[in-house]
Amino acid sequence: MRVFKSIGEWQAVRAGPDFSGRTVGFVPTMGALHAGHRALLARARAENDLVVLSIFVNPTQFNDPKDLNVYPRTLEADIALSEGLVDFVLTPPANELYVDDYHYRVTETDLSLRWEGAHRPGHFDGVLTVVLKLLNLVQANRAYFGEKDWQQLQLVRGMAQAFFLPVEIVTCSTERAADGLALSSRNARLSPVGRVQATAFSRILRESPSAAAAVPLLEAAGFGVDYVADHENIRLGAVRLEGVRLIDNVRL
């Protein structure tokens, strides 16, 4: 495994013989890796000759600066978790990835304004912009995204199609704990009591007869509810518990 902090050094290696004639799988992350990320990496490993992992806490997708400040940075643990699955790690500094100081950005004008976008203004501009930058840098054959962030997945796929990017966006099923909670780096911020309480989130989404019916049930279970919505046979939801924001979705 080789770790690159310099974009210039990475580009020199990417253009060199190590990649000649070999397929590349790419998993973009913000670090704080867990078993869900490892599942993405394992699939990339199985389907490609080389695997690239990026670890970058993207400041432009945080509409709340406090959320950015408390986001975990666990680079050494992340590299250890990805051992055996990854050939190259790209972890650039923000001033290199945003050499333009974020003057240029990607904006989607429909899906990005709903649900997560409505509650986190500017969030998806930051997501799409950084993903486009990383896809251009890595030049992967396939890039792997989890279904937990369903809205993000649709937007990334749409961007790749709209800009004719030569990459396949691969969907990977949501990884869940044994009690049903979708794996997320945010789960670690819950207290032991909150972690048990959080298991009701996916259960209520799955069992409620409608999106509207899920809201009072979630509130009764102790969650603050940002939204629950049904769209294309998917029920999406975002809730708050102990100051931690959790998102999930289930198939209807």
C-alpha atoms as a PDB file:
ATOM      1  CA  MET A   1       0.000   0.000   0.000  1.00  0.00           C
ATOM      2  CA  ARG A   2       1.344   3.428  -0.982  1.00  0.00           C
ATOM      3  CA  VAL A   3      -0.002   6.620   0.601  1.00  0.00           C
ATOM      4  CA  PHE A   4      -0.008   9.908  -1.328  1.00  0.00           C
ATOM      5  CA  LYS A   5      -0.560  13.314   0.254  1.00  0.00           C
ATOM      6  CA  SER A   6       0.708  15.326  -2.712  1.00  0.00           C
ATOM      7  CA  ILE A   7      -1.609  15.555  -5.719  1.00  0.00           C
ATOM      8  CA  GLY A   8       1.357  16.201  -8.005  1.00  0.00           C
ATOM      9  CA  GLU A   9       3.133  13.047  -6.841  1.00  0.00           C
ATOM     10  CA  TRP A  10      -0.063  11.063  -7.243  1.00  0.00           C
ATOM     11  CA  GLN A  11      -0.621  12.309 -10.808  1.00  0.00           C
ATOM     12  CA  ALA A  12       2.925  11.309 -11.772  1.00  0.00           C
ATOM     13  CA  VAL A  13       2.391   7.760 -10.507  1.00  0.00           C
ATOM     14  CA  ARG A  14      -1.104   7.530 -12.018  1.00  0.00           C
ATOM     15  CA  ALA A  15       0.345   8.352 -15.440  1.00  0.00           C
ATOM     16  CA  GLY A  16       3.145   5.788 -15.032  1.00  0.00           C
ATOM     17  CA  PRO A  17       3.571   2.077 -15.762  1.00  0.00           C
ATOM     18  CA  ASP A  18       1.970   0.825 -12.522  1.00  0.00           C
ATOM     19  CA  PHE A  19      -1.467   1.455 -14.025  1.00  0.00           C
ATOM     20  CA  SER A  20      -0.799   0.483 -17.628  1.00  0.00           C
ATOM     21  CA  GLY A  21      -3.408  -1.963 -18.910  1.00  0.00           C
ATOM     22  CA  ARG A  22      -4.901  -2.546 -15.460  1.00  0.00           C
ATOM     23  CA  THR A  23      -8.435  -1.916 -14.241  1.00  0.00           C
ATOM     24  CA  VAL A  24      -8.898   0.457 -11.307  1.00  0.00           C
ATOM     25  CA  GLY A  25     -11.543   0.395  -8.590  1.00  0.00           C
ATOM     26  CA  PHE A  26     -12.025   3.506  -6.462  1.00  0.00           C
ATOM     27  CA  VAL A  27     -13.651   4.047  -3.066  1.00  0.00           C
ATOM     28  CA  PRO A  28     -13.910   7.724  -2.028  1.00  0.00           C
ATOM     29  CA  THR A  29     -14.355   8.287   1.717  1.00  0.00           C
ATOM     30  CA  MET A  30     -14.051  10.913   4.434  1.00  0.00           C
ATOM     31  CA  GLY A  31     -12.207   8.477   6.664  1.00  0.00           C
ATOM     32  CA  ALA A  32     -13.428   7.161  10.026  1.00  0.00           C
ATOM     33  CA  LEU A  33     -13.659   3.839   8.215  1.00  0.00           C
ATOM     34  CA  HIS A  34     -15.824   0.998   9.475  1.00  0.00           C
ATOM     35  CA  ALA A  35     -17.030  -2.395   8.254  1.00  0.00           C
ATOM     36  CA  GLY A  36     -19.287  -0.751   5.682  1.00  0.00           C
ATOM     37  CA  HIS A  37     -16.302   0.878   4.015  1.00  0.00           C
ATOM     38  CA  ARG A  38     -14.378  -2.381   4.179  1.00  0.00           C
ATOM     39  CA  ALA A  39     -17.219  -4.075   2.279  1.00  0.00           C
ATOM     40  CA  LEU A  40     -16.905  -1.454  -0.479  1.00  0.00           C
ATOM     41  CA  LEU A  41     -13.163  -2.022  -0.623  1.00  0.00           C
ATOM     42  CA  ALA A  42     -13.592  -5.799  -0.709  1.00  0.00           C
ATOM     43  CA  ARG A  43     -15.917  -5.528  -3.690  1.00  0.00           C
ATOM     44  CA  ALA A  44     -13.518  -3.179  -5.463  1.00  0.00           C
ATOM     45  CA  ARG A  45     -10.699  -5.640  -4.758  1.00  0.00           C
ATOM     46  CA  ALA A  46     -12.691  -8.536  -6.232  1.00  0.00           C
ATOM     47  CA  GLU A  47     -13.615  -6.683  -9.422  1.00  0.00           C
ATOM     48  CA  ASN A  48     -10.430  -4.788 -10.333  1.00  0.00           C
ATOM     49  CA  ASP A  49      -6.687  -5.204 -10.726  1.00  0.00           C
ATOM     50  CA  LEU A  50      -5.901  -2.182  -8.542  1.00  0.00           C
ATOM     51  CA  VAL A  51      -7.819  -0.447  -5.748  1.00  0.00           C
ATOM     52  CA  VAL A  52      -7.523   3.229  -4.807  1.00  0.00           C
ATOM     53  CA  LEU A  53      -8.925   4.607  -1.540  1.00  0.00           C
ATOM     54  CA  SER A  54      -9.269   8.321  -0.913  1.00  0.00           C
ATOM     55  CA  ILE A  55      -9.517   9.745   2.594  1.00  0.00           C
ATOM     56  CA  PHE A  56     -10.477  13.410   2.653  1.00  0.00           C
ATOM     57  CA  VAL A  57     -12.721  15.245   5.127  1.00  0.00           C
ATOM     58  CA  ASN A  58     -14.389  17.542   2.628  1.00  0.00           C
ATOM     59  CA  PRO A  59     -15.046  20.969   4.168  1.00  0.00           C
ATOM     60  CA  THR A  60     -17.371  22.191   1.409  1.00  0.00           C
ATOM     61  CA  GLN A  61     -20.117  19.671   2.180  1.00  0.00           C
ATOM     62  CA  PHE A  62     -20.521  20.725   5.825  1.00  0.00           C
ATOM     63  CA  ASN A  63     -23.164  23.403   6.198  1.00  0.00           C
ATOM     64  CA  ASP A  64     -22.530  23.389   9.973  1.00  0.00           C
ATOM     65  CA  PRO A  65     -18.910  24.277  10.896  1.00  0.00           C
ATOM     66  CA  LYS A  66     -19.337  22.566  14.284  1.00  0.00           C
ATOM     67  CA  ASP A  67     -20.073  19.288  12.517  1.00  0.00           C
ATOM     68  CA  LEU A  68     -16.870  19.649  10.507  1.00  0.00           C
ATOM     69  CA  ASN A  69     -14.846  20.362  13.652  1.00  0.00           C
ATOM     70  CA  VAL A  70     -16.018  17.213  15.459  1.00  0.00           C
ATOM     71  CA  TYR A  71     -15.756  14.886  12.467  1.00  0.00           C
ATOM     72  CA  PRO A  72     -13.270  12.130  13.428  1.00  0.00           C
ATOM     73  CA  ARG A  73      -9.828  12.061  11.791  1.00  0.00           C
ATOM     74  CA  THR A  74      -8.452   8.543  12.192  1.00  0.00           C
ATOM     75  CA  LEU A  75      -5.967   8.140   9.352  1.00  0.00           C
ATOM     76  CA  GLU A  76      -3.741   5.502  10.944  1.00  0.00           C
ATOM     77  CA  ALA A  77      -6.713   3.350  11.956  1.00  0.00           C
ATOM     78  CA  ASP A  78      -8.253   3.808   8.501  1.00  0.00           C
ATOM     79  CA  ILE A  79      -5.098   2.603   6.777  1.00  0.00           C
ATOM     80  CA  ALA A  80      -4.930  -0.385   9.124  1.00  0.00           C
ATOM     81  CA  LEU A  81      -8.566  -1.307   8.394  1.00  0.00           C
ATOM     82  CA  SER A  82      -7.965  -1.196   4.633  1.00  0.00           C
ATOM     83  CA  GLU A  83      -4.826  -3.329   4.788  1.00  0.00           C
ATOM     84  CA  GLY A  84      -4.853  -6.144   2.250  1.00  0.00           C
ATOM     85  CA  LEU A  85      -7.562  -4.552   0.127  1.00  0.00           C
ATOM     86  CA  VAL A  86      -5.976  -1.319  -1.114  1.00  0.00           C
ATOM     87  CA  ASP A  87      -2.993  -0.580  -3.336  1.00  0.00           C
ATOM     88  CA  PHE A  88      -2.992   3.228  -3.173  1.00  0.00           C
ATOM     89  CA  VAL A  89      -4.341   5.743  -0.648  1.00  0.00           C
ATOM     90  CA  LEU A  90      -4.904   9.347  -1.693  1.00  0.00           C
ATOM     91  CA  THR A  91      -5.234  11.782   1.220  1.00  0.00           C
ATOM     92  CA  PRO A  92      -4.622  15.286  -0.157  1.00  0.00           C
ATOM     93  CA  PRO A  93      -4.675  18.541   1.842  1.00  0.00           C
ATOM     94  CA  ALA A  94      -7.645  20.826   1.240  1.00  0.00           C
ATOM     95  CA  ASN A  95      -5.523  23.638  -0.207  1.00  0.00           C
ATOM     96  CA  GLU A  96      -4.342  21.316  -2.997  1.00  0.00           C
ATOM     97  CA  LEU A  97      -7.720  19.786  -3.768  1.00  0.00           C
ATOM     98  CA  TYR A  98      -9.342  23.238  -3.696  1.00  0.00           C
ATOM     99  CA  VAL A  99      -6.583  25.201  -5.360  1.00  0.00           C
ATOM    100  CA  ASP A 100      -9.369  27.393  -6.825  1.00  0.00           C
ATOM    101  CA  ASP A 101     -10.665  28.141  -3.281  1.00  0.00           C
ATOM    102  CA  TYR A 102     -13.993  26.546  -4.300  1.00  0.00           C
ATOM    103  CA  HIS A 103     -14.776  29.215  -6.888  1.00  0.00           C
ATOM    104  CA  TYR A 104     -15.690  26.443  -9.323  1.00  0.00           C
ATOM    105  CA  ARG A 105     -18.331  23.977  -8.201  1.00  0.00           C
ATOM    106  CA  VAL A 106     -20.941  21.499  -9.453  1.00  0.00           C
ATOM    107  CA  THR A 107     -24.589  22.383  -8.844  1.00  0.00           C
ATOM    108  CA  GLU A 108     -27.531  20.094  -9.546  1.00  0.00           C
ATOM    109  CA  THR A 109     -30.874  21.889  -9.682  1.00  0.00           C
ATOM    110  CA  ASP A 110     -33.563  19.317  -8.864  1.00  0.00           C
ATOM    111  CA  LEU A 111     -32.921  16.220  -6.744  1.00  0.00           C
ATOM    112  CA  SER A 112     -30.211  17.959  -4.708  1.00  0.00           C
ATOM    113  CA  LEU A 113     -32.759  20.470  -3.373  1.00  0.00           C
ATOM    114  CA  ARG A 114     -34.961  17.851  -1.722  1.00  0.00           C
ATOM    115  CA  TRP A 115     -34.637  15.982   1.598  1.00  0.00           C
ATOM    116  CA  GLU A 116     -30.969  16.162   2.564  1.00  0.00           C
ATOM    117  CA  GLY A 117     -30.458  19.188   0.329  1.00  0.00           C
ATOM    118  CA  ALA A 118     -33.389  21.031   1.885  1.00  0.00           C
ATOM    119  CA  HIS A 119     -32.002  20.503   5.388  1.00  0.00           C
ATOM    120  CA  ARG A 120     -28.337  21.036   4.468  1.00  0.00           C
ATOM    121  CA  PRO A 121     -28.107  23.938   2.000  1.00  0.00           C
ATOM    122  CA  GLY A 122     -25.068  23.654  -0.251  1.00  0.00           C
ATOM    123  CA  HIS A 123     -24.252  20.139   0.943  1.00  0.00           C
ATOM    124  CA  PHE A 124     -24.575  18.438  -2.408  1.00  0.00           C
ATOM    125  CA  ASP A 125     -22.650  21.160  -4.229  1.00  0.00           C
ATOM    126  CA  GLY A 126     -19.720  20.221  -2.012  1.00  0.00           C
ATOM    127  CA  VAL A 127     -20.259  16.485  -2.465  1.00  0.00           C
ATOM    128  CA  LEU A 128     -20.524  16.584  -6.246  1.00  0.00           C
ATOM    129  CA  THR A 129     -17.623  18.979  -6.621  1.00  0.00           C
ATOM    130  CA  VAL A 130     -15.213  16.892  -4.566  1.00  0.00           C
ATOM    131  CA  VAL A 131     -16.336  13.635  -6.174  1.00  0.00           C
ATOM    132  CA  LEU A 132     -15.767  15.101  -9.642  1.00  0.00           C
ATOM    133  CA  LYS A 133     -12.289  16.247  -8.624  1.00  0.00           C
ATOM    134  CA  LEU A 134     -11.425  12.834  -7.191  1.00  0.00           C
ATOM    135  CA  LEU A 135     -12.813  10.924 -10.167  1.00  0.00           C
ATOM    136  CA  ASN A 136     -10.696  13.075 -12.472  1.00  0.00           C
ATOM    137  CA  LEU A 137      -7.598  12.432 -10.355  1.00  0.00           C
ATOM    138  CA  VAL A 138      -8.066   8.677  -9.944  1.00  0.00           C
ATOM    139  CA  GLN A 139      -9.387   7.894 -13.453  1.00  0.00           C
ATOM    140  CA  ALA A 140     -11.026   4.715 -12.205  1.00  0.00           C
ATOM    141  CA  ASN A 141     -12.915   2.169 -14.255  1.00  0.00           C
ATOM    142  CA  ARG A 142     -15.355   1.703 -11.377  1.00  0.00           C
ATOM    143  CA  ALA A 143     -16.216   3.788  -8.313  1.00  0.00           C
ATOM    144  CA  TYR A 144     -18.085   2.250  -5.374  1.00  0.00           C
ATOM    145  CA  PHE A 145     -20.806   3.942  -3.314  1.00  0.00           C
ATOM    146  CA  GLY A 146     -23.090   2.586  -0.595  1.00  0.00           C
ATOM    147  CA  GLU A 147     -26.882   2.688  -0.752  1.00  0.00           C
ATOM    148  CA  LYS A 148     -27.151   4.163   2.755  1.00  0.00           C
ATOM    149  CA  ASP A 149     -26.513   7.566   1.187  1.00  0.00           C
ATOM    150  CA  TRP A 150     -29.177   6.894  -1.454  1.00  0.00           C
ATOM    151  CA  GLN A 151     -29.705  10.501  -2.534  1.00  0.00           C
ATOM    152  CA  GLN A 152     -25.962  11.068  -2.854  1.00  0.00           C
ATOM    153  CA  LEU A 153     -25.643   7.898  -4.927  1.00  0.00           C
ATOM    154  CA  GLN A 154     -28.311   9.055  -7.391  1.00  0.00           C
ATOM    155  CA  LEU A 155     -26.694  12.458  -7.739  1.00  0.00           C
ATOM    156  CA  VAL A 156     -23.211  11.052  -8.328  1.00  0.00           C
ATOM    157  CA  ARG A 157     -24.569   8.635 -10.930  1.00  0.00           C
ATOM    158  CA  GLY A 158     -26.466  11.465 -12.616  1.00  0.00           C
ATOM    159  CA  MET A 159     -23.369  13.672 -12.659  1.00  0.00           C
ATOM    160  CA  ALA A 160     -21.276  10.912 -14.220  1.00  0.00           C
ATOM    161  CA  GLN A 161     -23.867  10.510 -16.972  1.00  0.00           C
ATOM    162  CA  ALA A 162     -24.360  14.245 -17.511  1.00  0.00           C
ATOM    163  CA  PHE A 163     -20.638  14.917 -17.943  1.00  0.00           C
ATOM    164  CA  PHE A 164     -19.868  11.689 -19.849  1.00  0.00           C
ATOM    165  CA  LEU A 165     -17.386  10.529 -17.221  1.00  0.00           C
ATOM    166  CA  PRO A 166     -15.729   7.244 -18.267  1.00  0.00           C
ATOM    167  CA  VAL A 167     -16.444   5.484 -14.983  1.00  0.00           C
ATOM    168  CA  GLU A 168     -19.039   2.958 -13.824  1.00  0.00           C
ATOM    169  CA  ILE A 169     -20.776   4.004 -10.606  1.00  0.00           C
ATOM    170  CA  VAL A 170     -21.261   0.752  -8.677  1.00  0.00           C
ATOM    171  CA  THR A 171     -24.027   0.469  -6.070  1.00  0.00           C
ATOM    172  CA  CYS A 172     -23.282  -1.503  -2.901  1.00  0.00           C
ATOM    173  CA  SER A 173     -25.939  -2.581  -0.403  1.00  0.00           C
ATOM    174  CA  THR A 174     -26.101  -0.895   2.985  1.00  0.00           C
ATOM    175  CA  GLU A 175     -24.082  -2.706   5.629  1.00  0.00           C
ATOM    176  CA  ARG A 176     -25.921  -3.026   8.923  1.00  0.00           C
ATOM    177  CA  ALA A 177     -25.099  -4.052  12.448  1.00  0.00           C
ATOM    178  CA  ALA A 178     -26.736  -7.226  13.747  1.00  0.00           C
ATOM    179  CA  ASP A 179     -29.495  -5.107  15.336  1.00  0.00           C
ATOM    180  CA  GLY A 180     -30.330  -3.418  12.015  1.00  0.00           C
ATOM    181  CA  LEU A 181     -28.694  -0.014  12.454  1.00  0.00           C
ATOM    182  CA  ALA A 182     -26.983   1.165   9.267  1.00  0.00           C
ATOM    183  CA  LEU A 183     -23.234   1.396   9.799  1.00  0.00           C
ATOM    184  CA  SER A 184     -22.015   4.986   9.988  1.00  0.00           C
ATOM    185  CA  SER A 185     -19.075   6.836  11.472  1.00  0.00           C
ATOM    186  CA  ARG A 186     -21.637   8.962  13.317  1.00  0.00           C
ATOM    187  CA  ASN A 187     -22.841   5.970  15.343  1.00  0.00           C
ATOM    188  CA  ALA A 188     -19.678   6.167  17.442  1.00  0.00           C
ATOM    189  CA  ARG A 189     -20.821   9.544  18.775  1.00  0.00           C
ATOM    190  CA  LEU A 190     -23.891   8.002  20.420  1.00  0.00           C
ATOM    191  CA  SER A 191     -23.875   7.042  24.091  1.00  0.00           C
ATOM    192  CA  PRO A 192     -24.430   3.344  24.888  1.00  0.00           C
ATOM    193  CA  VAL A 193     -28.069   4.146  25.682  1.00  0.00           C
ATOM    194  CA  GLY A 194     -28.448   6.184  22.483  1.00  0.00           C
ATOM    195  CA  ARG A 195     -26.855   3.433  20.423  1.00  0.00           C
ATOM    196  CA  VAL A 196     -29.536   0.977  21.612  1.00  0.00           C
ATOM    197  CA  GLN A 197     -32.268   3.558  21.052  1.00  0.00           C
ATOM    198  CA  ALA A 198     -31.048   4.186  17.492  1.00  0.00           C
ATOM    199  CA  THR A 199     -31.991   0.672  16.409  1.00  0.00           C
ATOM    200  CA  ALA A 200     -35.645   1.765  16.277  1.00  0.00           C
ATOM    201  CA  PHE A 201     -34.885   4.092  13.349  1.00  0.00           C
ATOM    202  CA  SER A 202     -34.638   1.530  10.559  1.00  0.00           C
ATOM    203  CA  ARG A 203     -37.347  -0.667  12.116  1.00  0.00           C
ATOM    204  CA  ILE A 204     -39.883   2.166  12.141  1.00  0.00           C
ATOM    205  CA  LEU A 205     -38.985   3.194   8.597  1.00  0.00           C
ATOM    206  CA  ARG A 206     -39.473  -0.387   7.444  1.00  0.00           C
ATOM    207  CA  GLU A 207     -42.652  -1.227   9.362  1.00  0.00           C
ATOM    208  CA  SER A 208     -44.659   2.003   9.090  1.00  0.00           C
ATOM    209  CA  PRO A 209     -47.583   1.912   6.629  1.00  0.00           C
ATOM    210  CA  SER A 210     -46.615   5.312   5.200  1.00  0.00           C
ATOM    211  CA  ALA A 211     -43.983   8.008   5.468  1.00  0.00           C
ATOM    212  CA  ALA A 212     -46.430  10.251   7.319  1.00  0.00           C
ATOM    213  CA  ALA A 213     -47.204   7.501   9.826  1.00  0.00           C
ATOM    214  CA  ALA A 214     -43.504   6.991  10.563  1.00  0.00           C
ATOM    215  CA  VAL A 215     -42.987  10.554  11.845  1.00  0.00           C
ATOM    216  CA  PRO A 216     -45.010  10.369  15.108  1.00  0.00           C
ATOM    217  CA  LEU A 217     -43.665   6.868  15.776  1.00  0.00           C
ATOM    218  CA  LEU A 218     -40.088   8.131  15.481  1.00  0.00           C
ATOM    219  CA  GLU A 219     -40.867  11.117  17.695  1.00  0.00           C
ATOM    220  CA  ALA A 220     -42.420   8.821  20.297  1.00  0.00           C
ATOM    221  CA  ALA A 221     -39.217   6.743  20.198  1.00  0.00           C
ATOM    222  CA  GLY A 222     -37.208   9.832  21.155  1.00  0.00           C
ATOM    223  CA  PHE A 223     -35.955  11.043  17.762  1.00  0.00           C
ATOM    224  CA  GLY A 224     -36.092  14.524  16.340  1.00  0.00           C
ATOM    225  CA  VAL A 225     -37.311  14.073  12.773  1.00  0.00           C
ATOM    226  CA  ASP A 226     -35.963  16.101   9.868  1.00  0.00           C
ATOM    227  CA  TYR A 227     -37.916  14.225   7.225  1.00  0.00           C
ATOM    228  CA  VAL A 228     -39.397  10.913   6.135  1.00  0.00           C
ATOM    229  CA  ALA A 229     -40.309  10.602   2.450  1.00  0.00           C
ATOM    230  CA  ASP A 230     -41.309   7.888  -0.006  1.00  0.00           C
ATOM    231  CA  HIS A 231     -39.751   8.084  -3.463  1.00  0.00           C
ATOM    232  CA  GLU A 232     -39.482   5.439  -6.199  1.00  0.00           C
ATOM    233  CA  ASN A 233     -40.163   2.544  -3.801  1.00  0.00           C
ATOM    234  CA  ILE A 234     -37.579   3.873  -1.348  1.00  0.00           C
ATOM    235  CA  ARG A 235     -38.435   5.330   2.070  1.00  0.00           C
ATOM    236  CA  LEU A 236     -35.813   7.861   3.136  1.00  0.00           C
ATOM    237  CA  GLY A 237     -35.431   9.371   6.561  1.00  0.00           C
ATOM    238  CA  ALA A 238     -33.202  11.621   8.628  1.00  0.00           C
ATOM    239  CA  VAL A 239     -33.421  11.930  12.404  1.00  0.00           C
ATOM    240  CA  ARG A 240     -31.500  13.485  15.286  1.00  0.00           C
ATOM    241  CA  LEU A 241     -30.577  11.687  18.486  1.00  0.00           C
ATOM    242  CA  GLU A 242     -28.278  13.025  21.232  1.00  0.00           C
ATOM    243  CA  GLY A 243     -27.162  15.748  18.837  1.00  0.00           C
ATOM    244  CA  VAL A 244     -26.151  13.158  16.220  1.00  0.00           C
ATOM    245  CA  ARG A 245     -27.843  13.190  12.822  1.00  0.00           C
ATOM    246  CA  LEU A 246     -28.599   9.767  11.334  1.00  0.00           C
ATOM    247  CA  ILE A 247     -29.863   8.977   7.835  1.00  0.00           C
ATOM    248  CA  ASP A 248     -31.175   5.727   6.409  1.00  0.00           C
ATOM    249  CA  ASN A 249     -33.437   4.319   3.731  1.00  0.00           C
ATOM    250  CA  VAL A 250     -35.337   1.092   3.188  1.00  0.00           C
ATOM    251  CA  ARG A 251     -36.948  -0.496   0.152  1.00  0.00           C
ATOM    252  CA  LEU A 252     -40.745  -0.584   0.258  1.00  0.00           C
END
